[in-house]
Amino acid sequence: MPTRDPRVTQYIQRRAPFARPVLRHLRTVIHDGDSRLEEAIKWGMPAFLYHGKIVCGIAGFKAHCALWFWRGKSVVGRKPAEAMGNFGRITSIEELPPPAKIEAFVKKATKLIDGAL
């Protein structure tokens, strides 16, 4: 069972209406990628930790959301220049990679932390 931080729930509830379903979806998919992740607030945004190290984070802004991986280039292979995160400005769930792809990124990030990659 994933470790959920009530501060992350509060963060999501305080975001713009368009952002809430995107952030809830990302939260679920990230935990599906590795149920051992813990939640925290880092730099005022939700972060997901593995053995105390940041795997990824999410954020909701006025007009878009972001998903970022701590070792973004090693995990995802790219970082768009136009916005925070590894996937540009996200305004809907449809703009995200498929859940299986995000879960694979989470698994890759935890393997990097373990030193398995």
PDB file of N, CA and C in Angstrom:
ATOM      1  N   MET A   1       0.850  -1.186   0.000  1.00  0.00           N
ATOM      2  CA  MET A   1       0.000   0.000   0.000  1.00  0.00           C
ATOM      3  C   MET A   1       0.889   1.239   0.000  1.00  0.00           C
ATOM      4  N   PRO A   2       0.634   2.182  -0.909  1.00  0.00           N
ATOM      5  CA  PRO A   2       1.453   3.382  -0.965  1.00  0.00           C
ATOM      6  C   PRO A   2       1.311   4.233   0.290  1.00  0.00           C
ATOM      7  N   THR A   3       2.394   4.905   0.628  1.00  0.00           N
ATOM      8  CA  THR A   3       2.378   5.829   1.753  1.00  0.00           C
ATOM      9  C   THR A   3       1.894   7.184   1.236  1.00  0.00           C
ATOM     10  N   ARG A   4       0.765   7.630   1.719  1.00  0.00           N
ATOM     11  CA  ARG A   4       0.181   8.898   1.262  1.00  0.00           C
ATOM     12  C   ARG A   4       0.343   9.965   2.334  1.00  0.00           C
ATOM     13  N   ASP A   5       0.709  11.132   1.899  1.00  0.00           N
ATOM     14  CA  ASP A   5       0.910  12.271   2.787  1.00  0.00           C
ATOM     15  C   ASP A   5      -0.312  13.181   2.658  1.00  0.00           C
ATOM     16  N   PRO A   6      -0.991  13.481   3.763  1.00  0.00           N
ATOM     17  CA  PRO A   6      -2.187  14.343   3.668  1.00  0.00           C
ATOM     18  C   PRO A   6      -1.871  15.721   3.088  1.00  0.00           C
ATOM     19  N   ARG A   7      -0.634  16.167   3.198  1.00  0.00           N
ATOM     20  CA  ARG A   7      -0.270  17.465   2.607  1.00  0.00           C
ATOM     21  C   ARG A   7      -0.353  17.424   1.084  1.00  0.00           C
ATOM     22  N   VAL A   8      -0.095  16.255   0.499  1.00  0.00           N
ATOM     23  CA  VAL A   8      -0.213  16.112  -0.957  1.00  0.00           C
ATOM     24  C   VAL A   8      -1.686  16.181  -1.357  1.00  0.00           C
ATOM     25  N   THR A   9      -2.538  15.535  -0.585  1.00  0.00           N
ATOM     26  CA  THR A   9      -3.980  15.610  -0.839  1.00  0.00           C
ATOM     27  C   THR A   9      -4.442  17.062  -0.778  1.00  0.00           C
ATOM     28  N   GLN A  10      -4.004  17.791   0.231  1.00  0.00           N
ATOM     29  CA  GLN A  10      -4.371  19.207   0.368  1.00  0.00           C
ATOM     30  C   GLN A  10      -3.834  20.025  -0.804  1.00  0.00           C
ATOM     31  N   TYR A  11      -2.607  19.758  -1.209  1.00  0.00           N
ATOM     32  CA  TYR A  11      -2.009  20.466  -2.346  1.00  0.00           C
ATOM     33  C   TYR A  11      -2.893  20.291  -3.575  1.00  0.00           C
ATOM     34  N   ILE A  12      -3.272  19.049  -3.866  1.00  0.00           N
ATOM     35  CA  ILE A  12      -4.079  18.767  -5.052  1.00  0.00           C
ATOM     36  C   ILE A  12      -5.440  19.466  -4.951  1.00  0.00           C
ATOM     37  N   GLN A  13      -6.065  19.438  -3.773  1.00  0.00           N
ATOM     38  CA  GLN A  13      -7.381  20.061  -3.594  1.00  0.00           C
ATOM     39  C   GLN A  13      -7.331  21.574  -3.783  1.00  0.00           C
ATOM     40  N   ARG A  14      -6.177  22.172  -3.591  1.00  0.00           N
ATOM     41  CA  ARG A  14      -6.040  23.628  -3.703  1.00  0.00           C
ATOM     42  C   ARG A  14      -5.671  24.094  -5.119  1.00  0.00           C
ATOM     43  N   ARG A  15      -5.456  23.182  -6.021  1.00  0.00           N
ATOM     44  CA  ARG A  15      -5.085  23.557  -7.384  1.00  0.00           C
ATOM     45  C   ARG A  15      -6.328  23.922  -8.184  1.00  0.00           C
ATOM     46  N   ALA A  16      -6.106  24.480  -9.367  1.00  0.00           N
ATOM     47  CA  ALA A  16      -7.196  24.865 -10.267  1.00  0.00           C
ATOM     48  C   ALA A  16      -8.027  23.635 -10.634  1.00  0.00           C
ATOM     49  N   PRO A  17      -9.320  23.832 -10.900  1.00  0.00           N
ATOM     50  CA  PRO A  17     -10.187  22.690 -11.215  1.00  0.00           C
ATOM     51  C   PRO A  17      -9.670  21.795 -12.345  1.00  0.00           C
ATOM     52  N   PHE A  18      -9.076  22.379 -13.402  1.00  0.00           N
ATOM     53  CA  PHE A  18      -8.567  21.548 -14.496  1.00  0.00           C
ATOM     54  C   PHE A  18      -7.419  20.652 -14.031  1.00  0.00           C
ATOM     55  N   ALA A  19      -6.650  21.114 -13.035  1.00  0.00           N
ATOM     56  CA  ALA A  19      -5.434  20.418 -12.610  1.00  0.00           C
ATOM     57  C   ALA A  19      -5.714  19.241 -11.682  1.00  0.00           C
ATOM     58  N   ARG A  20      -6.774  19.314 -10.927  1.00  0.00           N
ATOM     59  CA  ARG A  20      -7.033  18.268  -9.921  1.00  0.00           C
ATOM     60  C   ARG A  20      -7.093  16.854 -10.507  1.00  0.00           C
ATOM     61  N   PRO A  21      -7.868  16.616 -11.582  1.00  0.00           N
ATOM     62  CA  PRO A  21      -7.888  15.249 -12.115  1.00  0.00           C
ATOM     63  C   PRO A  21      -6.534  14.811 -12.679  1.00  0.00           C
ATOM     64  N   VAL A  22      -5.793  15.736 -13.256  1.00  0.00           N
ATOM     65  CA  VAL A  22      -4.463  15.409 -13.795  1.00  0.00           C
ATOM     66  C   VAL A  22      -3.536  14.997 -12.654  1.00  0.00           C
ATOM     67  N   LEU A  23      -3.510  15.772 -11.582  1.00  0.00           N
ATOM     68  CA  LEU A  23      -2.629  15.488 -10.453  1.00  0.00           C
ATOM     69  C   LEU A  23      -3.041  14.211  -9.726  1.00  0.00           C
ATOM     70  N   ARG A  24      -4.342  13.983  -9.576  1.00  0.00           N
ATOM     71  CA  ARG A  24      -4.802  12.737  -8.947  1.00  0.00           C
ATOM     72  C   ARG A  24      -4.408  11.527  -9.793  1.00  0.00           C
ATOM     73  N   HIS A  25      -4.562  11.654 -11.093  1.00  0.00           N
ATOM     74  CA  HIS A  25      -4.176  10.579 -12.016  1.00  0.00           C
ATOM     75  C   HIS A  25      -2.673  10.297 -11.901  1.00  0.00           C
ATOM     76  N   LEU A  26      -1.873  11.342 -11.936  1.00  0.00           N
ATOM     77  CA  LEU A  26      -0.422  11.152 -11.831  1.00  0.00           C
ATOM     78  C   LEU A  26      -0.044  10.502 -10.504  1.00  0.00           C
ATOM     79  N   ARG A  27      -0.663  10.937  -9.443  1.00  0.00           N
ATOM     80  CA  ARG A  27      -0.375  10.358  -8.126  1.00  0.00           C
ATOM     81  C   ARG A  27      -0.628   8.854  -8.130  1.00  0.00           C
ATOM     82  N   THR A  28      -1.754   8.451  -8.675  1.00  0.00           N
ATOM     83  CA  THR A  28      -2.099   7.027  -8.736  1.00  0.00           C
ATOM     84  C   THR A  28      -1.124   6.258  -9.615  1.00  0.00           C
ATOM     85  N   VAL A  29      -0.849   6.772 -10.791  1.00  0.00           N
ATOM     86  CA  VAL A  29       0.036   6.077 -11.737  1.00  0.00           C
ATOM     87  C   VAL A  29       1.448   5.963 -11.172  1.00  0.00           C
ATOM     88  N   ILE A  30       1.933   7.000 -10.521  1.00  0.00           N
ATOM     89  CA  ILE A  30       3.272   6.959  -9.926  1.00  0.00           C
ATOM     90  C   ILE A  30       3.332   5.871  -8.858  1.00  0.00           C
ATOM     91  N   HIS A  31       2.329   5.793  -8.017  1.00  0.00           N
ATOM     92  CA  HIS A  31       2.304   4.740  -6.995  1.00  0.00           C
ATOM     93  C   HIS A  31       2.146   3.359  -7.622  1.00  0.00           C
ATOM     94  N   ASP A  32       1.431   3.275  -8.742  1.00  0.00           N
ATOM     95  CA  ASP A  32       1.325   1.998  -9.448  1.00  0.00           C
ATOM     96  C   ASP A  32       2.695   1.560  -9.980  1.00  0.00           C
ATOM     97  N   GLY A  33       3.537   2.535 -10.294  1.00  0.00           N
ATOM     98  CA  GLY A  33       4.888   2.232 -10.775  1.00  0.00           C
ATOM     99  C   GLY A  33       5.754   1.594  -9.708  1.00  0.00           C
ATOM    100  N   ASP A  34       5.555   1.989  -8.451  1.00  0.00           N
ATOM    101  CA  ASP A  34       6.278   1.377  -7.329  1.00  0.00           C
ATOM    102  C   ASP A  34       5.533   1.726  -6.052  1.00  0.00           C
ATOM    103  N   SER A  35       4.908   0.732  -5.456  1.00  0.00           N
ATOM    104  CA  SER A  35       4.086   0.958  -4.265  1.00  0.00           C
ATOM    105  C   SER A  35       4.917   1.289  -3.028  1.00  0.00           C
ATOM    106  N   ARG A  36       6.235   1.177  -3.135  1.00  0.00           N
ATOM    107  CA  ARG A  36       7.106   1.495  -1.988  1.00  0.00           C
ATOM    108  C   ARG A  36       7.412   2.989  -1.876  1.00  0.00           C
ATOM    109  N   LEU A  37       6.980   3.782  -2.830  1.00  0.00           N
ATOM    110  CA  LEU A  37       7.272   5.217  -2.804  1.00  0.00           C
ATOM    111  C   LEU A  37       6.542   5.893  -1.650  1.00  0.00           C
ATOM    112  N   GLU A  38       7.215   6.863  -1.081  1.00  0.00           N
ATOM    113  CA  GLU A  38       6.620   7.701  -0.044  1.00  0.00           C
ATOM    114  C   GLU A  38       6.386   9.081  -0.623  1.00  0.00           C
ATOM    115  N   GLU A  39       5.396   9.759  -0.099  1.00  0.00           N
ATOM    116  CA  GLU A  39       5.098  11.117  -0.548  1.00  0.00           C
ATOM    117  C   GLU A  39       5.669  12.134   0.432  1.00  0.00           C
ATOM    118  N   ALA A  40       6.000  13.288  -0.119  1.00  0.00           N
ATOM    119  CA  ALA A  40       6.481  14.401   0.689  1.00  0.00           C
ATOM    120  C   ALA A  40       6.192  15.690  -0.069  1.00  0.00           C
ATOM    121  N   ILE A  41       6.405  16.790   0.585  1.00  0.00           N
ATOM    122  CA  ILE A  41       6.348  18.093  -0.072  1.00  0.00           C
ATOM    123  C   ILE A  41       7.779  18.624  -0.114  1.00  0.00           C
ATOM    124  N   LYS A  42       8.270  18.864  -1.311  1.00  0.00           N
ATOM    125  CA  LYS A  42       9.607  19.425  -1.525  1.00  0.00           C
ATOM    126  C   LYS A  42       9.460  20.660  -2.398  1.00  0.00           C
ATOM    127  N   TRP A  43      10.064  21.747  -1.983  1.00  0.00           N
ATOM    128  CA  TRP A  43       9.970  23.012  -2.711  1.00  0.00           C
ATOM    129  C   TRP A  43       8.523  23.424  -2.926  1.00  0.00           C
ATOM    130  N   GLY A  44       7.643  23.061  -1.985  1.00  0.00           N
ATOM    131  CA  GLY A  44       6.240  23.442  -2.049  1.00  0.00           C
ATOM    132  C   GLY A  44       5.397  22.592  -2.981  1.00  0.00           C
ATOM    133  N   MET A  45       5.967  21.496  -3.528  1.00  0.00           N
ATOM    134  CA  MET A  45       5.256  20.642  -4.474  1.00  0.00           C
ATOM    135  C   MET A  45       5.336  19.182  -4.034  1.00  0.00           C
ATOM    136  N   PRO A  46       4.371  18.352  -4.448  1.00  0.00           N
ATOM    137  CA  PRO A  46       4.436  16.927  -4.127  1.00  0.00           C
ATOM    138  C   PRO A  46       5.652  16.256  -4.773  1.00  0.00           C
ATOM    139  N   ALA A  47       6.333  15.446  -3.984  1.00  0.00           N
ATOM    140  CA  ALA A  47       7.465  14.664  -4.472  1.00  0.00           C
ATOM    141  C   ALA A  47       7.273  13.225  -4.012  1.00  0.00           C
ATOM    142  N   PHE A  48       7.840  12.315  -4.766  1.00  0.00           N
ATOM    143  CA  PHE A  48       7.732  10.888  -4.468  1.00  0.00           C
ATOM    144  C   PHE A  48       9.137  10.361  -4.215  1.00  0.00           C
ATOM    145  N   LEU A  49       9.322   9.754  -3.046  1.00  0.00           N
ATOM    146  CA  LEU A  49      10.643   9.345  -2.580  1.00  0.00           C
ATOM    147  C   LEU A  49      10.773   7.836  -2.521  1.00  0.00           C
ATOM    148  N   TYR A  50      11.995   7.377  -2.767  1.00  0.00           N
ATOM    149  CA  TYR A  50      12.342   5.966  -2.665  1.00  0.00           C
ATOM    150  C   TYR A  50      13.615   5.901  -1.833  1.00  0.00           C
ATOM    151  N   HIS A  51      13.553   5.232  -0.701  1.00  0.00           N
ATOM    152  CA  HIS A  51      14.680   5.190   0.247  1.00  0.00           C
ATOM    153  C   HIS A  51      15.187   6.601   0.568  1.00  0.00           C
ATOM    154  N   GLY A  52      14.244   7.527   0.705  1.00  0.00           N
ATOM    155  CA  GLY A  52      14.578   8.894   1.072  1.00  0.00           C
ATOM    156  C   GLY A  52      15.103   9.760  -0.058  1.00  0.00           C
ATOM    157  N   LYS A  53      15.194   9.223  -1.263  1.00  0.00           N
ATOM    158  CA  LYS A  53      15.689   9.982  -2.415  1.00  0.00           C
ATOM    159  C   LYS A  53      14.543  10.270  -3.372  1.00  0.00           C
ATOM    160  N   ILE A  54      14.572  11.450  -3.962  1.00  0.00           N
ATOM    161  CA  ILE A  54      13.493  11.874  -4.848  1.00  0.00           C
ATOM    162  C   ILE A  54      13.528  11.068  -6.145  1.00  0.00           C
ATOM    163  N   VAL A  55      12.373  10.532  -6.500  1.00  0.00           N
ATOM    164  CA  VAL A  55      12.186   9.836  -7.776  1.00  0.00           C
ATOM    165  C   VAL A  55      11.601  10.817  -8.781  1.00  0.00           C
ATOM    166  N   CYS A  56      10.495  11.472  -8.385  1.00  0.00           N
ATOM    167  CA  CYS A  56       9.811  12.390  -9.281  1.00  0.00           C
ATOM    168  C   CYS A  56       8.925  13.327  -8.477  1.00  0.00           C
ATOM    169  N   GLY A  57       8.327  14.264  -9.173  1.00  0.00           N
ATOM    170  CA  GLY A  57       7.423  15.192  -8.527  1.00  0.00           C
ATOM    171  C   GLY A  57       6.371  15.672  -9.505  1.00  0.00           C
ATOM    172  N   ILE A  58       5.322  16.247  -8.948  1.00  0.00           N
ATOM    173  CA  ILE A  58       4.240  16.809  -9.750  1.00  0.00           C
ATOM    174  C   ILE A  58       3.963  18.221  -9.254  1.00  0.00           C
ATOM    175  N   ALA A  59       3.374  19.020 -10.120  1.00  0.00           N
ATOM    176  CA  ALA A  59       3.036  20.382  -9.729  1.00  0.00           C
ATOM    177  C   ALA A  59       1.828  20.846 -10.523  1.00  0.00           C
ATOM    178  N   GLY A  60       1.046  21.699  -9.911  1.00  0.00           N
ATOM    179  CA  GLY A  60      -0.093  22.311 -10.574  1.00  0.00           C
ATOM    180  C   GLY A  60       0.064  23.826 -10.534  1.00  0.00           C
ATOM    181  N   PHE A  61       0.028  24.435 -11.687  1.00  0.00           N
ATOM    182  CA  PHE A  61       0.162  25.885 -11.800  1.00  0.00           C
ATOM    183  C   PHE A  61      -1.161  26.488 -12.273  1.00  0.00           C
ATOM    184  N   LYS A  62      -1.159  27.774 -12.529  1.00  0.00           N
ATOM    185  CA  LYS A  62      -2.373  28.475 -12.907  1.00  0.00           C
ATOM    186  C   LYS A  62      -2.996  27.902 -14.190  1.00  0.00           C
ATOM    187  N   ALA A  63      -2.157  27.568 -15.165  1.00  0.00           N
ATOM    188  CA  ALA A  63      -2.689  27.143 -16.462  1.00  0.00           C
ATOM    189  C   ALA A  63      -2.162  25.794 -16.949  1.00  0.00           C
ATOM    190  N   HIS A  64      -1.312  25.150 -16.171  1.00  0.00           N
ATOM    191  CA  HIS A  64      -0.794  23.844 -16.592  1.00  0.00           C
ATOM    192  C   HIS A  64      -0.249  23.067 -15.394  1.00  0.00           C
ATOM    193  N   CYS A  65       0.027  21.800 -15.632  1.00  0.00           N
ATOM    194  CA  CYS A  65       0.637  20.923 -14.629  1.00  0.00           C
ATOM    195  C   CYS A  65       2.007  20.487 -15.137  1.00  0.00           C
ATOM    196  N   ALA A  66       2.788  19.894 -14.232  1.00  0.00           N
ATOM    197  CA  ALA A  66       4.106  19.394 -14.618  1.00  0.00           C
ATOM    198  C   ALA A  66       4.365  18.062 -13.931  1.00  0.00           C
ATOM    199  N   LEU A  67       5.103  17.221 -14.613  1.00  0.00           N
ATOM    200  CA  LEU A  67       5.624  15.967 -14.072  1.00  0.00           C
ATOM    201  C   LEU A  67       7.108  15.976 -14.355  1.00  0.00           C
ATOM    202  N   TRP A  68       7.906  15.803 -13.311  1.00  0.00           N
ATOM    203  CA  TRP A  68       9.359  15.819 -13.480  1.00  0.00           C
ATOM    204  C   TRP A  68       9.993  14.642 -12.755  1.00  0.00           C
ATOM    205  N   PHE A  69      11.081  14.170 -13.336  1.00  0.00           N
ATOM    206  CA  PHE A  69      11.868  13.112 -12.718  1.00  0.00           C
ATOM    207  C   PHE A  69      13.201  13.706 -12.295  1.00  0.00           C
ATOM    208  N   TRP A  70      13.660  13.332 -11.105  1.00  0.00           N
ATOM    209  CA  TRP A  70      14.884  13.883 -10.537  1.00  0.00           C
ATOM    210  C   TRP A  70      16.056  13.709 -11.490  1.00  0.00           C
ATOM    211  N   ARG A  71      16.202  12.551 -12.048  1.00  0.00           N
ATOM    212  CA  ARG A  71      17.254  12.286 -13.031  1.00  0.00           C
ATOM    213  C   ARG A  71      16.608  12.233 -14.409  1.00  0.00           C
ATOM    214  N   GLY A  72      15.928  13.308 -14.740  1.00  0.00           N
ATOM    215  CA  GLY A  72      15.083  13.337 -15.925  1.00  0.00           C
ATOM    216  C   GLY A  72      15.715  12.847 -17.199  1.00  0.00           C
ATOM    217  N   LYS A  73      16.886  13.330 -17.527  1.00  0.00           N
ATOM    218  CA  LYS A  73      17.504  12.928 -18.787  1.00  0.00           C
ATOM    219  C   LYS A  73      17.845  11.443 -18.782  1.00  0.00           C
ATOM    220  N   SER A  74      18.282  10.910 -17.642  1.00  0.00           N
ATOM    221  CA  SER A  74      18.610   9.486 -17.546  1.00  0.00           C
ATOM    222  C   SER A  74      17.363   8.613 -17.557  1.00  0.00           C
ATOM    223  N   VAL A  75      16.271   9.141 -17.024  1.00  0.00           N
ATOM    224  CA  VAL A  75      15.036   8.353 -16.925  1.00  0.00           C
ATOM    225  C   VAL A  75      14.198   8.483 -18.193  1.00  0.00           C
ATOM    226  N   VAL A  76      13.936   9.700 -18.598  1.00  0.00           N
ATOM    227  CA  VAL A  76      13.021   9.959 -19.704  1.00  0.00           C
ATOM    228  C   VAL A  76      13.770  10.162 -21.019  1.00  0.00           C
ATOM    229  N   GLY A  77      14.985  10.668 -20.931  1.00  0.00           N
ATOM    230  CA  GLY A  77      15.782  10.880 -22.128  1.00  0.00           C
ATOM    231  C   GLY A  77      15.658  12.252 -22.750  1.00  0.00           C
ATOM    232  N   ARG A  78      14.853  13.124 -22.138  1.00  0.00           N
ATOM    233  CA  ARG A  78      14.689  14.468 -22.687  1.00  0.00           C
ATOM    234  C   ARG A  78      14.149  15.404 -21.624  1.00  0.00           C
ATOM    235  N   LYS A  79      14.304  16.676 -21.863  1.00  0.00           N
ATOM    236  CA  LYS A  79      13.695  17.692 -21.018  1.00  0.00           C
ATOM    237  C   LYS A  79      13.322  18.869 -21.908  1.00  0.00           C
ATOM    238  N   PRO A  80      12.025  19.100 -22.099  1.00  0.00           N
ATOM    239  CA  PRO A  80      11.622  20.250 -22.911  1.00  0.00           C
ATOM    240  C   PRO A  80      12.089  21.554 -22.278  1.00  0.00           C
ATOM    241  N   ALA A  81      12.462  22.487 -23.100  1.00  0.00           N
ATOM    242  CA  ALA A  81      12.966  23.768 -22.605  1.00  0.00           C
ATOM    243  C   ALA A  81      11.852  24.743 -22.256  1.00  0.00           C
ATOM    244  N   GLU A  82      10.631  24.485 -22.740  1.00  0.00           N
ATOM    245  CA  GLU A  82       9.577  25.490 -22.587  1.00  0.00           C
ATOM    246  C   GLU A  82       8.846  25.456 -21.260  1.00  0.00           C
ATOM    247  N   ALA A  83       9.056  24.447 -20.429  1.00  0.00           N
ATOM    248  CA  ALA A  83       8.324  24.387 -19.163  1.00  0.00           C
ATOM    249  C   ALA A  83       9.069  23.504 -18.168  1.00  0.00           C
ATOM    250  N   MET A  84       8.702  23.666 -16.911  1.00  0.00           N
ATOM    251  CA  MET A  84       9.240  22.787 -15.876  1.00  0.00           C
ATOM    252  C   MET A  84       8.804  21.358 -16.163  1.00  0.00           C
ATOM    253  N   GLY A  85       9.625  20.420 -15.846  1.00  0.00           N
ATOM    254  CA  GLY A  85       9.263  19.017 -15.996  1.00  0.00           C
ATOM    255  C   GLY A  85       9.803  18.405 -17.272  1.00  0.00           C
ATOM    256  N   ASN A  86       9.512  17.145 -17.434  1.00  0.00           N
ATOM    257  CA  ASN A  86      10.032  16.397 -18.570  1.00  0.00           C
ATOM    258  C   ASN A  86       9.015  16.231 -19.693  1.00  0.00           C
ATOM    259  N   PHE A  87       7.804  16.754 -19.518  1.00  0.00           N
ATOM    260  CA  PHE A  87       6.743  16.522 -20.488  1.00  0.00           C
ATOM    261  C   PHE A  87       6.065  17.808 -20.938  1.00  0.00           C
ATOM    262  N   GLY A  88       6.686  18.933 -20.700  1.00  0.00           N
ATOM    263  CA  GLY A  88       6.111  20.206 -21.106  1.00  0.00           C
ATOM    264  C   GLY A  88       4.908  20.593 -20.265  1.00  0.00           C
ATOM    265  N   ARG A  89       4.134  21.520 -20.793  1.00  0.00           N
ATOM    266  CA  ARG A  89       2.935  21.999 -20.093  1.00  0.00           C
ATOM    267  C   ARG A  89       1.802  21.001 -20.289  1.00  0.00           C
ATOM    268  N   ILE A  90       1.316  20.453 -19.194  1.00  0.00           N
ATOM    269  CA  ILE A  90       0.260  19.448 -19.228  1.00  0.00           C
ATOM    270  C   ILE A  90      -1.040  20.113 -18.782  1.00  0.00           C
ATOM    271  N   THR A  91      -2.061  20.048 -19.629  1.00  0.00           N
ATOM    272  CA  THR A  91      -3.343  20.654 -19.268  1.00  0.00           C
ATOM    273  C   THR A  91      -4.471  19.633 -19.170  1.00  0.00           C
ATOM    274  N   SER A  92      -4.188  18.373 -19.569  1.00  0.00           N
ATOM    275  CA  SER A  92      -5.206  17.326 -19.463  1.00  0.00           C
ATOM    276  C   SER A  92      -4.514  15.960 -19.379  1.00  0.00           C
ATOM    277  N   ILE A  93      -5.245  14.974 -18.919  1.00  0.00           N
ATOM    278  CA  ILE A  93      -4.713  13.615 -18.812  1.00  0.00           C
ATOM    279  C   ILE A  93      -4.320  13.093 -20.183  1.00  0.00           C
ATOM    280  N   GLU A  94      -5.057  13.479 -21.212  1.00  0.00           N
ATOM    281  CA  GLU A  94      -4.785  13.009 -22.568  1.00  0.00           C
ATOM    282  C   GLU A  94      -3.411  13.438 -23.082  1.00  0.00           C
ATOM    283  N   GLU A  95      -2.834  14.479 -22.511  1.00  0.00           N
ATOM    284  CA  GLU A  95      -1.517  14.965 -22.942  1.00  0.00           C
ATOM    285  C   GLU A  95      -0.369  14.195 -22.296  1.00  0.00           C
ATOM    286  N   LEU A  96      -0.686  13.318 -21.366  1.00  0.00           N
ATOM    287  CA  LEU A  96       0.338  12.534 -20.677  1.00  0.00           C
ATOM    288  C   LEU A  96       0.698  11.284 -21.475  1.00  0.00           C
ATOM    289  N   PRO A  97       1.898  10.750 -21.239  1.00  0.00           N
ATOM    290  CA  PRO A  97       2.195   9.432 -21.797  1.00  0.00           C
ATOM    291  C   PRO A  97       1.225   8.414 -21.188  1.00  0.00           C
ATOM    292  N   PRO A  98       1.072   7.255 -21.820  1.00  0.00           N
ATOM    293  CA  PRO A  98       0.199   6.226 -21.241  1.00  0.00           C
ATOM    294  C   PRO A  98       0.678   5.823 -19.842  1.00  0.00           C
ATOM    295  N   PRO A  99      -0.240   5.391 -18.978  1.00  0.00           N
ATOM    296  CA  PRO A  99       0.158   4.999 -17.624  1.00  0.00           C
ATOM    297  C   PRO A  99       1.313   3.996 -17.590  1.00  0.00           C
ATOM    298  N   ALA A 100       1.304   3.019 -18.487  1.00  0.00           N
ATOM    299  CA  ALA A 100       2.376   2.013 -18.486  1.00  0.00           C
ATOM    300  C   ALA A 100       3.738   2.650 -18.733  1.00  0.00           C
ATOM    301  N   LYS A 101       3.780   3.688 -19.538  1.00  0.00           N
ATOM    302  CA  LYS A 101       5.042   4.385 -19.825  1.00  0.00           C
ATOM    303  C   LYS A 101       5.524   5.141 -18.582  1.00  0.00           C
ATOM    304  N   ILE A 102       4.606   5.837 -17.901  1.00  0.00           N
ATOM    305  CA  ILE A 102       4.983   6.557 -16.672  1.00  0.00           C
ATOM    306  C   ILE A 102       5.444   5.563 -15.617  1.00  0.00           C
ATOM    307  N   GLU A 103       4.736   4.448 -15.485  1.00  0.00           N
ATOM    308  CA  GLU A 103       5.133   3.415 -14.522  1.00  0.00           C
ATOM    309  C   GLU A 103       6.533   2.891 -14.855  1.00  0.00           C
ATOM    310  N   ALA A 104       6.835   2.723 -16.139  1.00  0.00           N
ATOM    311  CA  ALA A 104       8.169   2.264 -16.540  1.00  0.00           C
ATOM    312  C   ALA A 104       9.233   3.289 -16.162  1.00  0.00           C
ATOM    313  N   PHE A 105       8.913   4.571 -16.311  1.00  0.00           N
ATOM    314  CA  PHE A 105       9.856   5.623 -15.902  1.00  0.00           C
ATOM    315  C   PHE A 105      10.110   5.557 -14.391  1.00  0.00           C
ATOM    316  N   VAL A 106       9.053   5.336 -13.618  1.00  0.00           N
ATOM    317  CA  VAL A 106       9.195   5.227 -12.157  1.00  0.00           C
ATOM    318  C   VAL A 106      10.096   4.043 -11.815  1.00  0.00           C
ATOM    319  N   LYS A 107       9.865   2.914 -12.448  1.00  0.00           N
ATOM    320  CA  LYS A 107      10.689   1.723 -12.197  1.00  0.00           C
ATOM    321  C   LYS A 107      12.152   1.985 -12.558  1.00  0.00           C
ATOM    322  N   LYS A 108      12.370   2.648 -13.683  1.00  0.00           N
ATOM    323  CA  LYS A 108      13.734   2.974 -14.102  1.00  0.00           C
ATOM    324  C   LYS A 108      14.407   3.901 -13.091  1.00  0.00           C
ATOM    325  N   ALA A 109      13.671   4.884 -12.590  1.00  0.00           N
ATOM    326  CA  ALA A 109      14.217   5.830 -11.616  1.00  0.00           C
ATOM    327  C   ALA A 109      14.600   5.118 -10.313  1.00  0.00           C
ATOM    328  N   THR A 110      13.770   4.190  -9.862  1.00  0.00           N
ATOM    329  CA  THR A 110      14.111   3.474  -8.624  1.00  0.00           C
ATOM    330  C   THR A 110      15.311   2.553  -8.840  1.00  0.00           C
ATOM    331  N   LYS A 111      15.428   1.987 -10.017  1.00  0.00           N
ATOM    332  CA  LYS A 111      16.605   1.160 -10.330  1.00  0.00           C
ATOM    333  C   LYS A 111      17.875   2.003 -10.342  1.00  0.00           C
ATOM    334  N   LEU A 112      17.769   3.221 -10.839  1.00  0.00           N
ATOM    335  CA  LEU A 112      18.929   4.124 -10.812  1.00  0.00           C
ATOM    336  C   LEU A 112      19.345   4.422  -9.369  1.00  0.00           C
ATOM    337  N   ILE A 113      18.367   4.616  -8.509  1.00  0.00           N
ATOM    338  CA  ILE A 113      18.676   4.871  -7.101  1.00  0.00           C
ATOM    339  C   ILE A 113      19.338   3.650  -6.483  1.00  0.00           C
ATOM    340  N   ASP A 114      18.829   2.461  -6.831  1.00  0.00           N
ATOM    341  CA  ASP A 114      19.416   1.219  -6.314  1.00  0.00           C
ATOM    342  C   ASP A 114      20.804   0.942  -6.896  1.00  0.00           C
ATOM    343  N   GLY A 115      21.157   1.649  -7.956  1.00  0.00           N
ATOM    344  CA  GLY A 115      22.444   1.399  -8.613  1.00  0.00           C
ATOM    345  C   GLY A 115      22.389   0.225  -9.554  1.00  0.00           C
ATOM    346  N   ALA A 116      21.179  -0.202  -9.918  1.00  0.00           N
ATOM    347  CA  ALA A 116      21.025  -1.365 -10.791  1.00  0.00           C
ATOM    348  C   ALA A 116      21.170  -0.993 -12.267  1.00  0.00           C
ATOM    349  N   LEU A 117      21.204   0.289 -12.587  1.00  0.00           N
ATOM    350  CA  LEU A 117      21.370   0.723 -13.970  1.00  0.00           C
ATOM    351  C   LEU A 117      22.629   1.552 -14.114  1.00  0.00           C
TER     352      LEU A 117
END
